[in-house]
Amino acid sequence: MKVVVSLVATVFIFALAFIPTWIFLGVRSFSNPEGFWQNIALFGLGFWVFGGIQMVLAIAGVAVTTLAWLMIWDRYDRRG
């Protein structure tokens, strides 16, 4: 049971951690850039703004996932 709870927590944490990626993909889908300069501008926005936020959230996601797994496994070990 603790493995299932840990995996559900991991999926939930990383779904939240990858929100900048979902936003970038949504903006790219709706804007539908045509041509070289529009693609470069959208790539620059995505790389510098959303990419920076994504890196911070990815590192935080790994840390929170590690904490969640430790807390879940410790809780179930205390029960017996």
PDB file of N, CA and C in Angstrom:
ATOM      1  N   MET A   1       0.819  -1.200   0.000  1.00  0.00           N
ATOM      2  CA  MET A   1       0.000   0.000   0.000  1.00  0.00           C
ATOM      3  C   MET A   1       0.860   1.261   0.000  1.00  0.00           C
ATOM      4  N   LYS A   2       1.980   1.203   0.725  1.00  0.00           N
ATOM      5  CA  LYS A   2       2.804   2.409   0.800  1.00  0.00           C
ATOM      6  C   LYS A   2       3.458   2.737  -0.544  1.00  0.00           C
ATOM      7  N   VAL A   3       3.698   1.727  -1.365  1.00  0.00           N
ATOM      8  CA  VAL A   3       4.267   1.992  -2.692  1.00  0.00           C
ATOM      9  C   VAL A   3       3.251   2.723  -3.558  1.00  0.00           C
ATOM     10  N   VAL A   4       1.989   2.318  -3.489  1.00  0.00           N
ATOM     11  CA  VAL A   4       0.939   2.966  -4.275  1.00  0.00           C
ATOM     12  C   VAL A   4       0.758   4.414  -3.838  1.00  0.00           C
ATOM     13  N   VAL A   5       0.721   4.643  -2.542  1.00  0.00           N
ATOM     14  CA  VAL A   5       0.569   6.004  -2.014  1.00  0.00           C
ATOM     15  C   VAL A   5       1.759   6.860  -2.427  1.00  0.00           C
ATOM     16  N   SER A   6       2.958   6.281  -2.370  1.00  0.00           N
ATOM     17  CA  SER A   6       4.160   7.020  -2.760  1.00  0.00           C
ATOM     18  C   SER A   6       4.140   7.369  -4.248  1.00  0.00           C
ATOM     19  N   LEU A   7       3.709   6.442  -5.077  1.00  0.00           N
ATOM     20  CA  LEU A   7       3.655   6.714  -6.516  1.00  0.00           C
ATOM     21  C   LEU A   7       2.593   7.757  -6.859  1.00  0.00           C
ATOM     22  N   VAL A   8       1.454   7.717  -6.192  1.00  0.00           N
ATOM     23  CA  VAL A   8       0.417   8.730  -6.414  1.00  0.00           C
ATOM     24  C   VAL A   8       0.931  10.102  -5.991  1.00  0.00           C
ATOM     25  N   ALA A   9       1.625  10.169  -4.856  1.00  0.00           N
ATOM     26  CA  ALA A   9       2.206  11.435  -4.407  1.00  0.00           C
ATOM     27  C   ALA A   9       3.239  11.947  -5.406  1.00  0.00           C
ATOM     28  N   THR A  10       4.042  11.056  -5.952  1.00  0.00           N
ATOM     29  CA  THR A  10       5.055  11.440  -6.932  1.00  0.00           C
ATOM     30  C   THR A  10       4.423  12.003  -8.194  1.00  0.00           C
ATOM     31  N   VAL A  11       3.395  11.349  -8.691  1.00  0.00           N
ATOM     32  CA  VAL A  11       2.713  11.833  -9.896  1.00  0.00           C
ATOM     33  C   VAL A  11       2.091  13.202  -9.633  1.00  0.00           C
ATOM     34  N   PHE A  12       1.454  13.386  -8.492  1.00  0.00           N
ATOM     35  CA  PHE A  12       0.830  14.659  -8.145  1.00  0.00           C
ATOM     36  C   PHE A  12       1.881  15.772  -8.022  1.00  0.00           C
ATOM     37  N   ILE A  13       2.991  15.484  -7.364  1.00  0.00           N
ATOM     38  CA  ILE A  13       4.044  16.487  -7.176  1.00  0.00           C
ATOM     39  C   ILE A  13       4.636  16.907  -8.513  1.00  0.00           C
ATOM     40  N   PHE A  14       4.929  15.942  -9.389  1.00  0.00           N
ATOM     41  CA  PHE A  14       5.536  16.298 -10.663  1.00  0.00           C
ATOM     42  C   PHE A  14       4.536  16.915 -11.630  1.00  0.00           C
ATOM     43  N   ALA A  15       3.262  16.613 -11.484  1.00  0.00           N
ATOM     44  CA  ALA A  15       2.256  17.310 -12.300  1.00  0.00           C
ATOM     45  C   ALA A  15       2.242  18.791 -11.937  1.00  0.00           C
ATOM     46  N   LEU A  16       2.390  19.091 -10.651  1.00  0.00           N
ATOM     47  CA  LEU A  16       2.467  20.492 -10.225  1.00  0.00           C
ATOM     48  C   LEU A  16       3.794  21.126 -10.601  1.00  0.00           C
ATOM     49  N   ALA A  17       4.879  20.364 -10.521  1.00  0.00           N
ATOM     50  CA  ALA A  17       6.206  20.912 -10.818  1.00  0.00           C
ATOM     51  C   ALA A  17       6.372  21.254 -12.293  1.00  0.00           C
ATOM     52  N   PHE A  18       5.644  20.577 -13.181  1.00  0.00           N
ATOM     53  CA  PHE A  18       5.790  20.822 -14.609  1.00  0.00           C
ATOM     54  C   PHE A  18       4.737  21.790 -15.156  1.00  0.00           C
ATOM     55  N   ILE A  19       4.128  22.587 -14.309  1.00  0.00           N
ATOM     56  CA  ILE A  19       3.144  23.569 -14.762  1.00  0.00           C
ATOM     57  C   ILE A  19       3.735  24.563 -15.768  1.00  0.00           C
ATOM     58  N   PRO A  20       4.966  25.078 -15.591  1.00  0.00           N
ATOM     59  CA  PRO A  20       5.501  25.976 -16.627  1.00  0.00           C
ATOM     60  C   PRO A  20       5.597  25.323 -18.000  1.00  0.00           C
ATOM     61  N   THR A  21       5.882  24.031 -18.035  1.00  0.00           N
ATOM     62  CA  THR A  21       5.933  23.333 -19.323  1.00  0.00           C
ATOM     63  C   THR A  21       4.556  23.271 -19.947  1.00  0.00           C
ATOM     64  N   TRP A  22       3.537  22.977 -19.140  1.00  0.00           N
ATOM     65  CA  TRP A  22       2.167  22.924 -19.664  1.00  0.00           C
ATOM     66  C   TRP A  22       1.745  24.300 -20.174  1.00  0.00           C
ATOM     67  N   ILE A  23       2.127  25.354 -19.445  1.00  0.00           N
ATOM     68  CA  ILE A  23       1.782  26.710 -19.874  1.00  0.00           C
ATOM     69  C   ILE A  23       2.461  27.032 -21.210  1.00  0.00           C
ATOM     70  N   PHE A  24       3.757  26.716 -21.319  1.00  0.00           N
ATOM     71  CA  PHE A  24       4.480  26.995 -22.557  1.00  0.00           C
ATOM     72  C   PHE A  24       3.873  26.235 -23.735  1.00  0.00           C
ATOM     73  N   LEU A  25       3.566  24.961 -23.540  1.00  0.00           N
ATOM     74  CA  LEU A  25       2.965  24.184 -24.621  1.00  0.00           C
ATOM     75  C   LEU A  25       1.590  24.722 -25.003  1.00  0.00           C
ATOM     76  N   GLY A  26       0.818  25.187 -24.025  1.00  0.00           N
ATOM     77  CA  GLY A  26      -0.479  25.785 -24.319  1.00  0.00           C
ATOM     78  C   GLY A  26      -0.345  27.085 -25.087  1.00  0.00           C
ATOM     79  N   VAL A  27       0.590  27.939 -24.666  1.00  0.00           N
ATOM     80  CA  VAL A  27       0.812  29.213 -25.359  1.00  0.00           C
ATOM     81  C   VAL A  27       1.298  28.957 -26.782  1.00  0.00           C
ATOM     82  N   ARG A  28       2.196  28.019 -26.946  1.00  0.00           N
ATOM     83  CA  ARG A  28       2.708  27.700 -28.282  1.00  0.00           C
ATOM     84  C   ARG A  28       1.605  27.135 -29.165  1.00  0.00           C
ATOM     85  N   SER A  29       0.733  26.326 -28.584  1.00  0.00           N
ATOM     86  CA  SER A  29      -0.363  25.743 -29.353  1.00  0.00           C
ATOM     87  C   SER A  29      -1.366  26.814 -29.792  1.00  0.00           C
ATOM     88  N   PHE A  30      -1.701  27.728 -28.876  1.00  0.00           N
ATOM     89  CA  PHE A  30      -2.692  28.754 -29.205  1.00  0.00           C
ATOM     90  C   PHE A  30      -2.132  29.851 -30.107  1.00  0.00           C
ATOM     91  N   SER A  31      -0.841  30.176 -29.942  1.00  0.00           N
ATOM     92  CA  SER A  31      -0.272  31.258 -30.756  1.00  0.00           C
ATOM     93  C   SER A  31       0.077  30.795 -32.166  1.00  0.00           C
ATOM     94  N   ASN A  32       0.390  29.520 -32.320  1.00  0.00           N
ATOM     95  CA  ASN A  32       0.696  28.935 -33.625  1.00  0.00           C
ATOM     96  C   ASN A  32       1.671  29.816 -34.411  1.00  0.00           C
ATOM     97  N   PRO A  33       2.933  29.924 -33.922  1.00  0.00           N
ATOM     98  CA  PRO A  33       3.891  30.823 -34.579  1.00  0.00           C
ATOM     99  C   PRO A  33       4.216  30.373 -36.004  1.00  0.00           C
ATOM    100  N   GLU A  34       4.303  31.345 -36.879  1.00  0.00           N
ATOM    101  CA  GLU A  34       4.655  31.082 -38.272  1.00  0.00           C
ATOM    102  C   GLU A  34       5.898  31.884 -38.593  1.00  0.00           C
ATOM    103  N   GLY A  35       6.862  31.249 -39.143  1.00  0.00           N
ATOM    104  CA  GLY A  35       8.056  31.960 -39.548  1.00  0.00           C
ATOM    105  C   GLY A  35       9.159  31.893 -38.516  1.00  0.00           C
ATOM    106  N   PHE A  36      10.322  32.285 -38.972  1.00  0.00           N
ATOM    107  CA  PHE A  36      11.535  32.192 -38.176  1.00  0.00           C
ATOM    108  C   PHE A  36      11.501  33.101 -36.950  1.00  0.00           C
ATOM    109  N   TRP A  37      11.137  34.363 -37.125  1.00  0.00           N
ATOM    110  CA  TRP A  37      11.219  35.323 -36.022  1.00  0.00           C
ATOM    111  C   TRP A  37      10.184  35.051 -34.942  1.00  0.00           C
ATOM    112  N   GLN A  38       9.012  34.625 -35.311  1.00  0.00           N
ATOM    113  CA  GLN A  38       8.005  34.288 -34.300  1.00  0.00           C
ATOM    114  C   GLN A  38       8.439  33.067 -33.496  1.00  0.00           C
ATOM    115  N   ASN A  39       9.010  32.084 -34.171  1.00  0.00           N
ATOM    116  CA  ASN A  39       9.508  30.914 -33.459  1.00  0.00           C
ATOM    117  C   ASN A  39      10.659  31.266 -32.528  1.00  0.00           C
ATOM    118  N   ILE A  40      11.556  32.127 -32.979  1.00  0.00           N
ATOM    119  CA  ILE A  40      12.681  32.551 -32.132  1.00  0.00           C
ATOM    120  C   ILE A  40      12.177  33.319 -30.919  1.00  0.00           C
ATOM    121  N   ALA A  41      11.231  34.223 -31.107  1.00  0.00           N
ATOM    122  CA  ALA A  41      10.696  34.999 -29.991  1.00  0.00           C
ATOM    123  C   ALA A  41       9.998  34.096 -28.981  1.00  0.00           C
ATOM    124  N   LEU A  42       9.216  33.175 -29.455  1.00  0.00           N
ATOM    125  CA  LEU A  42       8.511  32.264 -28.546  1.00  0.00           C
ATOM    126  C   LEU A  42       9.484  31.323 -27.854  1.00  0.00           C
ATOM    127  N   PHE A  43      10.498  30.868 -28.568  1.00  0.00           N
ATOM    128  CA  PHE A  43      11.513  30.020 -27.959  1.00  0.00           C
ATOM    129  C   PHE A  43      12.280  30.789 -26.886  1.00  0.00           C
ATOM    130  N   GLY A  44      12.618  32.052 -27.170  1.00  0.00           N
ATOM    131  CA  GLY A  44      13.321  32.874 -26.181  1.00  0.00           C
ATOM    132  C   GLY A  44      12.495  33.081 -24.928  1.00  0.00           C
ATOM    133  N   LEU A  45      11.230  33.381 -25.101  1.00  0.00           N
ATOM    134  CA  LEU A  45      10.341  33.542 -23.952  1.00  0.00           C
ATOM    135  C   LEU A  45      10.241  32.247 -23.169  1.00  0.00           C
ATOM    136  N   GLY A  46      10.050  31.161 -23.869  1.00  0.00           N
ATOM    137  CA  GLY A  46       9.905  29.873 -23.201  1.00  0.00           C
ATOM    138  C   GLY A  46      11.171  29.422 -22.511  1.00  0.00           C
ATOM    139  N   PHE A  47      12.300  29.627 -23.165  1.00  0.00           N
ATOM    140  CA  PHE A  47      13.562  29.163 -22.606  1.00  0.00           C
ATOM    141  C   PHE A  47      13.982  29.980 -21.394  1.00  0.00           C
ATOM    142  N   TRP A  48      13.931  31.291 -21.500  1.00  0.00           N
ATOM    143  CA  TRP A  48      14.441  32.126 -20.417  1.00  0.00           C
ATOM    144  C   TRP A  48      13.466  32.269 -19.262  1.00  0.00           C
ATOM    145  N   VAL A  49      12.211  32.488 -19.555  1.00  0.00           N
ATOM    146  CA  VAL A  49      11.237  32.701 -18.477  1.00  0.00           C
ATOM    147  C   VAL A  49      10.755  31.371 -17.913  1.00  0.00           C
ATOM    148  N   PHE A  50      10.103  30.596 -18.759  1.00  0.00           N
ATOM    149  CA  PHE A  50       9.538  29.343 -18.267  1.00  0.00           C
ATOM    150  C   PHE A  50      10.615  28.312 -17.966  1.00  0.00           C
ATOM    151  N   GLY A  51      11.709  28.329 -18.706  1.00  0.00           N
ATOM    152  CA  GLY A  51      12.799  27.395 -18.448  1.00  0.00           C
ATOM    153  C   GLY A  51      13.452  27.612 -17.101  1.00  0.00           C
ATOM    154  N   GLY A  52      13.641  28.869 -16.725  1.00  0.00           N
ATOM    155  CA  GLY A  52      14.212  29.169 -15.409  1.00  0.00           C
ATOM    156  C   GLY A  52      13.298  28.739 -14.277  1.00  0.00           C
ATOM    157  N   ILE A  53      12.030  29.043 -14.428  1.00  0.00           N
ATOM    158  CA  ILE A  53      11.059  28.623 -13.414  1.00  0.00           C
ATOM    159  C   ILE A  53      10.978  27.107 -13.369  1.00  0.00           C
ATOM    160  N   GLN A  54      11.040  26.465 -14.539  1.00  0.00           N
ATOM    161  CA  GLN A  54      10.946  25.010 -14.612  1.00  0.00           C
ATOM    162  C   GLN A  54      12.105  24.338 -13.896  1.00  0.00           C
ATOM    163  N   MET A  55      13.305  24.870 -14.040  1.00  0.00           N
ATOM    164  CA  MET A  55      14.458  24.279 -13.365  1.00  0.00           C
ATOM    165  C   MET A  55      14.320  24.366 -11.845  1.00  0.00           C
ATOM    166  N   VAL A  56      13.872  25.497 -11.357  1.00  0.00           N
ATOM    167  CA  VAL A  56      13.670  25.652  -9.915  1.00  0.00           C
ATOM    168  C   VAL A  56      12.599  24.681  -9.418  1.00  0.00           C
ATOM    169  N   LEU A  57      11.496  24.593 -10.149  1.00  0.00           N
ATOM    170  CA  LEU A  57      10.426  23.690  -9.736  1.00  0.00           C
ATOM    171  C   LEU A  57      10.807  22.222  -9.883  1.00  0.00           C
ATOM    172  N   ALA A  58      11.637  21.885 -10.843  1.00  0.00           N
ATOM    173  CA  ALA A  58      12.090  20.498 -10.984  1.00  0.00           C
ATOM    174  C   ALA A  58      12.962  20.086  -9.800  1.00  0.00           C
ATOM    175  N   ILE A  59      13.866  20.966  -9.394  1.00  0.00           N
ATOM    176  CA  ILE A  59      14.704  20.681  -8.228  1.00  0.00           C
ATOM    177  C   ILE A  59      13.855  20.605  -6.970  1.00  0.00           C
ATOM    178  N   ALA A  60      12.917  21.541  -6.830  1.00  0.00           N
ATOM    179  CA  ALA A  60      12.021  21.500  -5.674  1.00  0.00           C
ATOM    180  C   ALA A  60      11.137  20.254  -5.710  1.00  0.00           C
ATOM    181  N   GLY A  61      10.725  19.833  -6.895  1.00  0.00           N
ATOM    182  CA  GLY A  61       9.908  18.627  -7.025  1.00  0.00           C
ATOM    183  C   GLY A  61      10.648  17.380  -6.574  1.00  0.00           C
ATOM    184  N   VAL A  62      11.926  17.290  -6.926  1.00  0.00           N
ATOM    185  CA  VAL A  62      12.726  16.151  -6.477  1.00  0.00           C
ATOM    186  C   VAL A  62      12.872  16.165  -4.955  1.00  0.00           C
ATOM    187  N   ALA A  63      13.103  17.340  -4.392  1.00  0.00           N
ATOM    188  CA  ALA A  63      13.237  17.448  -2.941  1.00  0.00           C
ATOM    189  C   ALA A  63      11.932  17.101  -2.228  1.00  0.00           C
ATOM    190  N   VAL A  64      10.830  17.618  -2.722  1.00  0.00           N
ATOM    191  CA  VAL A  64       9.531  17.345  -2.088  1.00  0.00           C
ATOM    192  C   VAL A  64       9.151  15.879  -2.265  1.00  0.00           C
ATOM    193  N   THR A  65       9.468  15.291  -3.412  1.00  0.00           N
ATOM    194  CA  THR A  65       9.184  13.867  -3.623  1.00  0.00           C
ATOM    195  C   THR A  65       9.988  13.012  -2.656  1.00  0.00           C
ATOM    196  N   THR A  66      11.251  13.352  -2.466  1.00  0.00           N
ATOM    197  CA  THR A  66      12.072  12.617  -1.507  1.00  0.00           C
ATOM    198  C   THR A  66      11.500  12.724  -0.102  1.00  0.00           C
ATOM    199  N   LEU A  67      11.112  13.925   0.293  1.00  0.00           N
ATOM    200  CA  LEU A  67      10.496  14.104   1.610  1.00  0.00           C
ATOM    201  C   LEU A  67       9.189  13.335   1.734  1.00  0.00           C
ATOM    202  N   ALA A  68       8.377  13.371   0.692  1.00  0.00           N
ATOM    203  CA  ALA A  68       7.101  12.661   0.730  1.00  0.00           C
ATOM    204  C   ALA A  68       7.319  11.164   0.883  1.00  0.00           C
ATOM    205  N   TRP A  69       8.251  10.607   0.115  1.00  0.00           N
ATOM    206  CA  TRP A  69       8.530   9.171   0.221  1.00  0.00           C
ATOM    207  C   TRP A  69       9.029   8.825   1.611  1.00  0.00           C
ATOM    208  N   LEU A  70       9.925   9.641   2.157  1.00  0.00           N
ATOM    209  CA  LEU A  70      10.436   9.365   3.504  1.00  0.00           C
ATOM    210  C   LEU A  70       9.329   9.422   4.549  1.00  0.00           C
ATOM    211  N   MET A  71       8.450  10.410   4.442  1.00  0.00           N
ATOM    212  CA  MET A  71       7.357  10.539   5.411  1.00  0.00           C
ATOM    213  C   MET A  71       6.353   9.401   5.273  1.00  0.00           C
ATOM    214  N   ILE A  72       6.020   9.022   4.045  1.00  0.00           N
ATOM    215  CA  ILE A  72       5.046   7.947   3.827  1.00  0.00           C
ATOM    216  C   ILE A  72       5.607   6.620   4.327  1.00  0.00           C
ATOM    217  N   TRP A  73       6.858   6.329   4.001  1.00  0.00           N
ATOM    218  CA  TRP A  73       7.433   5.049   4.416  1.00  0.00           C
ATOM    219  C   TRP A  73       7.639   5.008   5.918  1.00  0.00           C
ATOM    220  N   ASP A  74       7.993   6.141   6.530  1.00  0.00           N
ATOM    221  CA  ASP A  74       8.148   6.187   7.982  1.00  0.00           C
ATOM    222  C   ASP A  74       6.810   5.990   8.670  1.00  0.00           C
ATOM    223  N   ARG A  75       5.756   6.579   8.134  1.00  0.00           N
ATOM    224  CA  ARG A  75       4.419   6.447   8.732  1.00  0.00           C
ATOM    225  C   ARG A  75       3.938   5.008   8.701  1.00  0.00           C
ATOM    226  N   TYR A  76       4.139   4.327   7.568  1.00  0.00           N
ATOM    227  CA  TYR A  76       3.677   2.949   7.450  1.00  0.00           C
ATOM    228  C   TYR A  76       4.577   1.981   8.246  1.00  0.00           C
ATOM    229  N   ASP A  77       5.846   2.342   8.449  1.00  0.00           N
ATOM    230  CA  ASP A  77       6.710   1.492   9.251  1.00  0.00           C
ATOM    231  C   ASP A  77       6.338   1.568  10.725  1.00  0.00           C
ATOM    232  N   ARG A  78       5.840   2.691  11.177  1.00  0.00           N
ATOM    233  CA  ARG A  78       5.433   2.831  12.574  1.00  0.00           C
ATOM    234  C   ARG A  78       4.168   2.028  12.878  1.00  0.00           C
ATOM    235  N   ARG A  79       3.315   1.881  11.870  1.00  0.00           N
ATOM    236  CA  ARG A  79       2.087   1.111  12.060  1.00  0.00           C
ATOM    237  C   ARG A  79       2.366  -0.379  12.228  1.00  0.00           C
ATOM    238  N   GLY A  80       3.391  -0.840  11.549  1.00  0.00           N
ATOM    239  CA  GLY A  80       3.722  -2.254  11.687  1.00  0.00           C
ATOM    240  C   GLY A  80       3.480  -3.078  10.513  1.00  0.00           C
TER     241      GLY A  80
END
